[in-house]
C-alpha atoms as a PDB file:
ATOM      1  CA  MET A   1      15.560  -0.751  10.894  1.00  0.00           C
ATOM      2  CA  ILE A   2      13.086  -3.402   9.875  1.00  0.00           C
ATOM      3  CA  PRO A   3      14.710  -6.860   9.480  1.00  0.00           C
ATOM      4  CA  TYR A   4      15.790  -7.980   6.027  1.00  0.00           C
ATOM      5  CA  VAL A   5      15.678  -4.515   4.431  1.00  0.00           C
ATOM      6  CA  ASN A   6      19.012  -3.865   2.780  1.00  0.00           C
ATOM      7  CA  GLU A   7      20.872  -1.342   0.656  1.00  0.00           C
ATOM      8  CA  TYR A   8      19.340  -2.741  -2.518  1.00  0.00           C
ATOM      9  CA  ASP A   9      15.825  -2.057  -1.250  1.00  0.00           C
ATOM     10  CA  THR A  10      16.350   1.405   0.221  1.00  0.00           C
ATOM     11  CA  PRO A  11      19.914   2.507  -0.592  1.00  0.00           C
ATOM     12  CA  ASN A  12      21.538   5.161   1.563  1.00  0.00           C
ATOM     13  CA  CYS A  13      21.624   8.203  -0.739  1.00  0.00           C
ATOM     14  CA  ASN A  14      21.814  11.954  -0.272  1.00  0.00           C
ATOM     15  CA  THR A  15      18.404  12.711  -1.780  1.00  0.00           C
ATOM     16  CA  LEU A  16      14.995  11.108  -2.106  1.00  0.00           C
ATOM     17  CA  ALA A  17      15.328  11.184  -5.877  1.00  0.00           C
ATOM     18  CA  GLU A  18      18.600   9.251  -5.822  1.00  0.00           C
ATOM     19  CA  THR A  19      17.155   6.715  -3.395  1.00  0.00           C
ATOM     20  CA  ALA A  20      14.144   6.195  -5.658  1.00  0.00           C
ATOM     21  CA  LYS A  21      16.331   5.777  -8.745  1.00  0.00           C
ATOM     22  CA  LYS A  22      18.785   3.343  -7.148  1.00  0.00           C
ATOM     23  CA  SER A  23      16.273   1.109  -5.369  1.00  0.00           C
ATOM     24  CA  ILE A  24      16.022  -2.477  -6.593  1.00  0.00           C
ATOM     25  CA  ARG A  25      12.321  -1.759  -7.144  1.00  0.00           C
ATOM     26  CA  THR A  26      13.077   0.834  -9.802  1.00  0.00           C
ATOM     27  CA  PRO A  27      13.782   0.211 -13.521  1.00  0.00           C
ATOM     28  CA  GLU A  28      16.762   1.986 -15.085  1.00  0.00           C
ATOM     29  CA  SER A  29      14.392   3.678 -17.535  1.00  0.00           C
ATOM     30  CA  LEU A  30      12.615   5.647 -14.775  1.00  0.00           C
ATOM     31  CA  GLY A  31      12.027   9.173 -16.051  1.00  0.00           C
ATOM     32  CA  LEU A  32      11.992  10.900 -12.668  1.00  0.00           C
ATOM     33  CA  ASP A  33      14.514  13.564 -13.690  1.00  0.00           C
ATOM     34  CA  ARG A  34      12.530  14.216 -16.868  1.00  0.00           C
ATOM     35  CA  CYS A  35       9.280  15.012 -15.041  1.00  0.00           C
ATOM     36  CA  ILE A  36       7.681  18.236 -16.342  1.00  0.00           C
ATOM     37  CA  GLN A  37       4.858  18.333 -13.770  1.00  0.00           C
ATOM     38  CA  CYS A  38       2.246  18.079 -16.527  1.00  0.00           C
ATOM     39  CA  GLY A  39      -0.249  16.319 -14.258  1.00  0.00           C
ATOM     40  CA  ALA A  40      -1.045  13.469 -16.652  1.00  0.00           C
ATOM     41  CA  CYS A  41      -0.389  11.022 -13.811  1.00  0.00           C
ATOM     42  CA  THR A  42      -2.924  12.660 -11.510  1.00  0.00           C
ATOM     43  CA  ALA A  43      -5.455  13.058 -14.327  1.00  0.00           C
ATOM     44  CA  SER A  44      -5.382   9.313 -15.043  1.00  0.00           C
ATOM     45  CA  CYS A  45      -5.226   8.131 -11.416  1.00  0.00           C
ATOM     46  CA  PRO A  46      -8.385   6.380 -10.096  1.00  0.00           C
ATOM     47  CA  ALA A  47      -7.449   7.219  -6.494  1.00  0.00           C
ATOM     48  CA  ALA A  48      -7.063  10.910  -7.355  1.00  0.00           C
ATOM     49  CA  ARG A  49     -10.593  10.912  -8.764  1.00  0.00           C
ATOM     50  CA  PHE A  50     -12.137  10.072  -5.411  1.00  0.00           C
ATOM     51  CA  SER A  51      -9.640  11.584  -2.955  1.00  0.00           C
ATOM     52  CA  ASP A  52      -6.967  14.246  -2.530  1.00  0.00           C
ATOM     53  CA  TYR A  53      -4.234  11.832  -3.634  1.00  0.00           C
ATOM     54  CA  SER A  54      -1.923  13.329  -6.257  1.00  0.00           C
ATOM     55  CA  PRO A  55       1.031  11.428  -7.766  1.00  0.00           C
ATOM     56  CA  ARG A  56       2.159  14.699  -9.365  1.00  0.00           C
ATOM     57  CA  GLN A  57       2.516  16.355  -5.967  1.00  0.00           C
ATOM     58  CA  ILE A  58       4.394  13.362  -4.568  1.00  0.00           C
ATOM     59  CA  VAL A  59       6.909  13.428  -7.430  1.00  0.00           C
ATOM     60  CA  LYS A  60       7.325  17.181  -6.882  1.00  0.00           C
ATOM     61  CA  LYS A  61       8.161  16.613  -3.218  1.00  0.00           C
ATOM     62  CA  VAL A  62      10.678  13.918  -4.120  1.00  0.00           C
ATOM     63  CA  LEU A  63      12.411  16.180  -6.649  1.00  0.00           C
ATOM     64  CA  GLU A  64      12.526  18.920  -4.003  1.00  0.00           C
ATOM     65  CA  ASN A  65      14.013  16.414  -1.515  1.00  0.00           C
ATOM     66  CA  ASP A  66      11.245  17.250   0.929  1.00  0.00           C
ATOM     67  CA  HIS A  67      11.342  14.452   3.512  1.00  0.00           C
ATOM     68  CA  SER A  68       7.980  15.495   4.965  1.00  0.00           C
ATOM     69  CA  VAL A  69       6.471  13.376   2.185  1.00  0.00           C
ATOM     70  CA  LEU A  70       7.447  10.285   4.209  1.00  0.00           C
ATOM     71  CA  GLU A  71       5.046  11.385   6.943  1.00  0.00           C
ATOM     72  CA  SER A  72       2.166  12.166   4.614  1.00  0.00           C
ATOM     73  CA  LYS A  73      -0.881   9.911   4.563  1.00  0.00           C
ATOM     74  CA  MET A  74      -1.031  10.605   0.836  1.00  0.00           C
ATOM     75  CA  ILE A  75       1.633   7.996   0.029  1.00  0.00           C
ATOM     76  CA  TRP A  76      -0.686   5.282   1.374  1.00  0.00           C
ATOM     77  CA  SER A  77      -3.529   6.042  -1.052  1.00  0.00           C
ATOM     78  CA  CYS A  78      -1.942   4.432  -4.128  1.00  0.00           C
ATOM     79  CA  PHE A  79      -3.112   0.901  -4.982  1.00  0.00           C
ATOM     80  CA  TYR A  80      -0.527   0.109  -7.667  1.00  0.00           C
ATOM     81  CA  CYS A  81      -2.659   0.187 -10.822  1.00  0.00           C
ATOM     82  CA  TYR A  82       0.215   1.794 -12.806  1.00  0.00           C
ATOM     83  CA  SER A  83      -2.120   4.139 -14.720  1.00  0.00           C
ATOM     84  CA  CYS A  84       0.273   6.989 -13.941  1.00  0.00           C
ATOM     85  CA  ASN A  85       3.194   5.086 -15.448  1.00  0.00           C
ATOM     86  CA  VAL A  86       1.252   4.193 -18.601  1.00  0.00           C
ATOM     87  CA  ARG A  87       0.149   7.794 -19.244  1.00  0.00           C
ATOM     88  CA  CYS A  88       3.407   9.598 -18.398  1.00  0.00           C
ATOM     89  CA  PRO A  89       4.985  11.222 -21.522  1.00  0.00           C
ATOM     90  CA  ARG A  90       8.420  11.032 -19.867  1.00  0.00           C
ATOM     91  CA  ASN A  91       8.240   7.383 -18.747  1.00  0.00           C
ATOM     92  CA  ASN A  92       8.161   8.357 -15.117  1.00  0.00           C
ATOM     93  CA  SER A  93       6.502   6.005 -12.622  1.00  0.00           C
ATOM     94  CA  PRO A  94       5.014   7.699  -9.545  1.00  0.00           C
ATOM     95  CA  VAL A  95       3.668   4.312  -8.433  1.00  0.00           C
ATOM     96  CA  THR A  96       7.220   2.953  -8.228  1.00  0.00           C
ATOM     97  CA  ILE A  97       8.377   6.028  -6.352  1.00  0.00           C
ATOM     98  CA  VAL A  98       5.520   5.582  -3.868  1.00  0.00           C
ATOM     99  CA  GLN A  99       6.665   2.010  -3.220  1.00  0.00           C
ATOM    100  CA  VAL A 100      10.150   3.258  -2.339  1.00  0.00           C
ATOM    101  CA  LEU A 101       8.745   6.038  -0.133  1.00  0.00           C
ATOM    102  CA  ARG A 102       6.547   3.594   1.737  1.00  0.00           C
ATOM    103  CA  GLN A 103       9.484   1.334   2.517  1.00  0.00           C
ATOM    104  CA  MET A 104      11.557   4.319   3.645  1.00  0.00           C
ATOM    105  CA  ALA A 105       8.721   5.405   5.925  1.00  0.00           C
ATOM    106  CA  ILE A 106       8.305   1.905   7.348  1.00  0.00           C
ATOM    107  CA  ASN A 107      12.048   1.687   8.032  1.00  0.00           C
ATOM    108  CA  GLU A 108      11.599   4.706  10.303  1.00  0.00           C
ATOM    109  CA  GLY A 109       8.507   3.259  11.954  1.00  0.00           C
ATOM    110  CA  ILE A 110       6.163   5.616  10.080  1.00  0.00           C
ATOM    111  CA  GLY A 111       2.908   4.115   8.854  1.00  0.00           C
ATOM    112  CA  VAL A 112       3.591   0.589  10.133  1.00  0.00           C
ATOM    113  CA  GLU A 113       0.007   0.458  11.388  1.00  0.00           C
ATOM    114  CA  LYS A 114      -1.035   0.397   7.729  1.00  0.00           C
ATOM    115  CA  LEU A 115       0.498  -3.077   7.488  1.00  0.00           C
ATOM    116  CA  ALA A 116      -1.737  -4.574  10.169  1.00  0.00           C
ATOM    117  CA  TYR A 117      -4.335  -5.307   7.474  1.00  0.00           C
ATOM    118  CA  PHE A 118      -1.933  -7.607   5.622  1.00  0.00           C
ATOM    119  CA  LEU A 119      -0.472  -9.616   8.522  1.00  0.00           C
ATOM    120  CA  GLU A 120      -3.379 -12.046   8.480  1.00  0.00           C
ATOM    121  CA  ILE A 121      -2.598 -12.948   4.858  1.00  0.00           C
ATOM    122  CA  GLY A 122       0.915 -14.179   5.638  1.00  0.00           C
ATOM    123  CA  GLU A 123      -0.168 -16.105   8.701  1.00  0.00           C
ATOM    124  CA  TYR A 124      -2.977 -17.834   6.821  1.00  0.00           C
ATOM    125  CA  LEU A 125      -0.715 -18.576   3.868  1.00  0.00           C
ATOM    126  CA  ALA A 126       1.892 -20.211   6.086  1.00  0.00           C
ATOM    127  CA  GLU A 127      -0.698 -22.354   7.862  1.00  0.00           C
ATOM    128  CA  ASN A 128      -2.954 -23.344   4.960  1.00  0.00           C
ATOM    129  CA  GLY A 129      -0.859 -22.928   1.801  1.00  0.00           C
ATOM    130  CA  ALA A 130      -3.425 -20.526   0.339  1.00  0.00           C
ATOM    131  CA  SER A 131      -4.111 -16.822   0.590  1.00  0.00           C
ATOM    132  CA  LYS A 132      -7.291 -15.144   1.814  1.00  0.00           C
ATOM    133  CA  VAL A 133      -9.007 -11.781   2.073  1.00  0.00           C
ATOM    134  CA  PRO A 134      -8.415 -10.370   5.579  1.00  0.00           C
ATOM    135  CA  GLU A 135     -11.460 -10.072   7.813  1.00  0.00           C
ATOM    136  CA  THR A 136     -11.298  -6.279   7.607  1.00  0.00           C
ATOM    137  CA  GLY A 137     -11.451  -6.529   3.828  1.00  0.00           C
ATOM    138  CA  ILE A 138     -14.456  -8.828   3.992  1.00  0.00           C
ATOM    139  CA  ARG A 139     -16.295  -6.394   6.264  1.00  0.00           C
ATOM    140  CA  ASN A 140     -15.532  -3.549   3.868  1.00  0.00           C
ATOM    141  CA  MET A 141     -16.788  -5.568   0.897  1.00  0.00           C
ATOM    142  CA  GLU A 142     -19.984  -6.399   2.761  1.00  0.00           C
ATOM    143  CA  LYS A 143     -20.459  -2.694   3.419  1.00  0.00           C
ATOM    144  CA  ASP A 144     -19.642  -1.610  -0.142  1.00  0.00           C
ATOM    145  CA  LEU A 145     -21.275  -4.408  -2.138  1.00  0.00           C
ATOM    146  CA  GLY A 146     -24.283  -5.080   0.082  1.00  0.00           C
ATOM    147  CA  GLU A 147     -26.614  -8.030   0.411  1.00  0.00           C
ATOM    148  CA  ARG A 148     -25.478  -9.803  -2.747  1.00  0.00           C
ATOM    149  CA  TRP A 149     -21.931 -10.141  -1.429  1.00  0.00           C
ATOM    150  CA  ILE A 150     -23.163 -11.204   2.010  1.00  0.00           C
ATOM    151  CA  GLY A 151     -25.291 -13.888   0.354  1.00  0.00           C
ATOM    152  CA  ILE A 152     -22.301 -15.193  -1.587  1.00  0.00           C
ATOM    153  CA  LYS A 153     -20.243 -15.418   1.600  1.00  0.00           C
ATOM    154  CA  ARG A 154     -22.995 -17.177   3.515  1.00  0.00           C
ATOM    155  CA  ASN A 155     -23.471 -19.777   0.805  1.00  0.00           C
ATOM    156  CA  LEU A 156     -19.807 -20.205  -0.031  1.00  0.00           C
ATOM    157  CA  GLY A 157     -19.488 -23.546   1.740  1.00  0.00           C
ATOM    158  CA  SER A 158     -22.382 -25.134  -0.140  1.00  0.00           C
ATOM    159  CA  THR A 159     -21.229 -23.559  -3.415  1.00  0.00           C
ATOM    160  CA  ARG A 160     -17.751 -25.055  -2.999  1.00  0.00           C
ATOM    161  CA  SER A 161     -19.292 -28.451  -2.149  1.00  0.00           C
ATOM    162  CA  GLU A 162     -21.363 -28.379  -5.337  1.00  0.00           C
ATOM    163  CA  MET A 163     -18.142 -27.739  -7.265  1.00  0.00           C
ATOM    164  CA  GLY A 164     -16.442 -30.693  -5.595  1.00  0.00           C
ATOM    165  CA  LEU A 165     -14.241 -28.511  -3.403  1.00  0.00           C
ATOM    166  CA  SER A 166     -13.695 -28.602   0.335  1.00  0.00           C
ATOM    167  CA  SER A 167     -15.599 -26.117   2.474  1.00  0.00           C
ATOM    168  CA  ARG A 168     -12.404 -24.094   2.919  1.00  0.00           C
ATOM    169  CA  ASP A 169      -9.362 -23.567   0.728  1.00  0.00           C
ATOM    170  CA  PHE A 170      -6.554 -25.705   2.169  1.00  0.00           C
ATOM    171  CA  ARG A 171      -3.558 -26.863   0.155  1.00  0.00           C
ATOM    172  CA  ASN A 172      -0.950 -29.362   1.267  1.00  0.00           C
ATOM    173  CA  THR A 173       2.366 -27.756   0.331  1.00  0.00           C
ATOM    174  CA  ASN A 174       4.422 -30.168   2.477  1.00  0.00           C
ATOM    175  CA  GLY A 175       5.699 -27.222   4.489  1.00  0.00           C
ATOM    176  CA  GLU A 176       7.255 -25.506   1.467  1.00  0.00           C
ATOM    177  CA  VAL A 177       5.376 -22.220   1.906  1.00  0.00           C
ATOM    178  CA  GLN A 178       6.260 -22.152   5.606  1.00  0.00           C
ATOM    179  CA  ALA A 179       9.924 -22.779   4.761  1.00  0.00           C
ATOM    180  CA  ILE A 180       9.984 -20.016   2.139  1.00  0.00           C
ATOM    181  CA  LEU A 181       8.466 -17.482   4.534  1.00  0.00           C
ATOM    182  CA  GLU A 182      10.932 -18.441   7.234  1.00  0.00           C
ATOM    183  CA  SER A 183      13.993 -18.298   4.958  1.00  0.00           C
ATOM    184  CA  THR A 184      13.039 -14.911   3.527  1.00  0.00           C
ATOM    185  CA  GLY A 185      12.606 -13.430   6.987  1.00  0.00           C
ATOM    186  CA  TYR A 186       8.849 -12.911   6.799  1.00  0.00           C
ATOM    187  CA  PHE A 187       8.203 -13.920  10.401  1.00  0.00           C
ATOM    188  CA  GLU A 188      10.955 -11.622  11.681  1.00  0.00           C
ATOM    189  CA  ARG A 189       9.423  -8.782   9.711  1.00  0.00           C
ATOM    190  CA  GLU A 190       5.993  -9.639  11.077  1.00  0.00           C
ATOM    191  CA  LYS A 191       7.275  -9.677  14.648  1.00  0.00           C
ATOM    192  CA  TRP A 192       8.978  -6.295  14.155  1.00  0.00           C
ATOM    193  CA  ILE A 193       5.821  -4.782  12.649  1.00  0.00           C
ATOM    194  CA  LYS A 194       3.614  -6.051  15.475  1.00  0.00           C
ATOM    195  CA  ILE A 195       5.993  -4.595  18.065  1.00  0.00           C
ATOM    196  CA  LYS A 196       6.010  -1.204  16.343  1.00  0.00           C
ATOM    197  CA  ILE A 197       2.225  -1.177  16.011  1.00  0.00           C
ATOM    198  CA  GLU A 198       1.835  -2.030  19.691  1.00  0.00           C
ATOM    199  CA  GLU A 199       4.308   0.731  20.656  1.00  0.00           C
ATOM    200  CA  LYS A 200       2.262   3.240  18.660  1.00  0.00           C
ATOM    201  CA  ARG A 201      -0.960   1.992  20.219  1.00  0.00           C
ATOM    202  CA  ILE A 202       0.467   2.333  23.728  1.00  0.00           C
ATOM    203  CA  HIS A 203       1.628   5.880  23.040  1.00  0.00           C
ATOM    204  CA  GLY A 204      -1.653   6.804  21.394  1.00  0.00           C
ATOM    205  CA  PHE A 205      -0.199   7.351  17.935  1.00  0.00           C
ATOM    206  CA  VAL A 206      -2.474   4.818  16.235  1.00  0.00           C
ATOM    207  CA  LYS A 207      -5.877   6.399  15.604  1.00  0.00           C
ATOM    208  CA  THR A 208      -8.930   4.773  14.109  1.00  0.00           C
ATOM    209  CA  ASN A 209     -10.184   8.070  12.670  1.00  0.00           C
ATOM    210  CA  TYR A 210      -8.275  11.005  11.270  1.00  0.00           C
ATOM    211  CA  SER A 211      -8.667  14.352  12.954  1.00  0.00           C
ATOM    212  CA  ASP A 212     -10.171  17.348  11.179  1.00  0.00           C
ATOM    213  CA  LYS A 213      -6.638  18.667  10.764  1.00  0.00           C
ATOM    214  CA  ASP A 214      -5.615  15.489   8.928  1.00  0.00           C
ATOM    215  CA  LYS A 215      -8.549  15.817   6.548  1.00  0.00           C
ATOM    216  CA  LYS A 216      -7.626  19.302   5.358  1.00  0.00           C
ATOM    217  CA  ASN A 217      -6.054  19.901   1.977  1.00  0.00           C
ATOM    218  CA  GLY A 218      -2.474  21.118   1.937  1.00  0.00           C
ATOM    219  CA  GLU A 219      -1.075  18.570   4.375  1.00  0.00           C
ATOM    220  CA  PHE A 220       2.707  18.952   4.594  1.00  0.00           C
ATOM    221  CA  GLY A 221       2.543  21.830   2.164  1.00  0.00           C
ATOM    222  CA  PHE A 222       0.789  19.931  -0.629  1.00  0.00           C
ATOM    223  CA  GLU A 223      -1.215  22.239  -2.841  1.00  0.00           C
ATOM    224  CA  SER A 224      -4.534  20.801  -3.974  1.00  0.00           C
ATOM    225  CA  ASP A 225      -4.888  19.864  -7.651  1.00  0.00           C
ATOM    226  CA  ARG A 226      -8.652  20.073  -7.339  1.00  0.00           C
ATOM    227  CA  LYS A 227     -11.398  19.842  -4.793  1.00  0.00           C
ATOM    228  CA  TYR A 228     -12.835  16.449  -3.927  1.00  0.00           C
ATOM    229  CA  THR A 229     -15.902  15.913  -6.086  1.00  0.00           C
ATOM    230  CA  GLY A 230     -17.800  13.835  -3.571  1.00  0.00           C
ATOM    231  CA  GLN A 231     -18.590  11.232  -6.235  1.00  0.00           C
ATOM    232  CA  GLU A 232     -19.364   7.770  -4.983  1.00  0.00           C
ATOM    233  CA  ALA A 233     -17.151   4.908  -6.101  1.00  0.00           C
ATOM    234  CA  ILE A 234     -18.641   2.654  -8.759  1.00  0.00           C
ATOM    235  CA  THR A 235     -19.471  -0.812  -7.447  1.00  0.00           C
ATOM    236  CA  VAL A 236     -19.590  -3.830  -9.728  1.00  0.00           C
END
């Protein structure tokens, strides 16, 4: 099990539903048992609009105690906007349930490669006392937002100088951030994650592109709420 994950985070329960309800991440008011599968969560979900992600289907799998949901790529499509929670007539929170499912999956070594994107943030924070967008994120933004974004990045140093700031964002925290990360076990978690990612890479389980089989609807028995519209995401 990943270091510093305890019974409060992912309690040892008989069903997925009980685990979700008893996790420290979950409010007592969670309406999981009151879910009527109305689909309001999926209808209001931005991720569902542009992909096959469906919070309704995930909740259904949890209520059915179907552990195959832990292996589904679908649980990694949520970006925690909480639209599903706001719109649910039964005060259910698929986004919270997804958080619990992700941690359960990670505990079993499933999907740890998804965390590689975030490792750079912790390392930079510990060293410089400030956060940053990982390099992969910057490349994606350059691709999605185009020349305007690239121009902003290229001129960032001079822009910061004009504002009286240093060329890079460094903050002297007197080692406090480093101490907090160490005491909370961040570096042990990071080490564990890197080992698991490397193990998957060695055994060929980490793929840069999904196979045609992975792209099909109905993965792990999920029925499709609708076909992907093919609409492009709106860029601002």
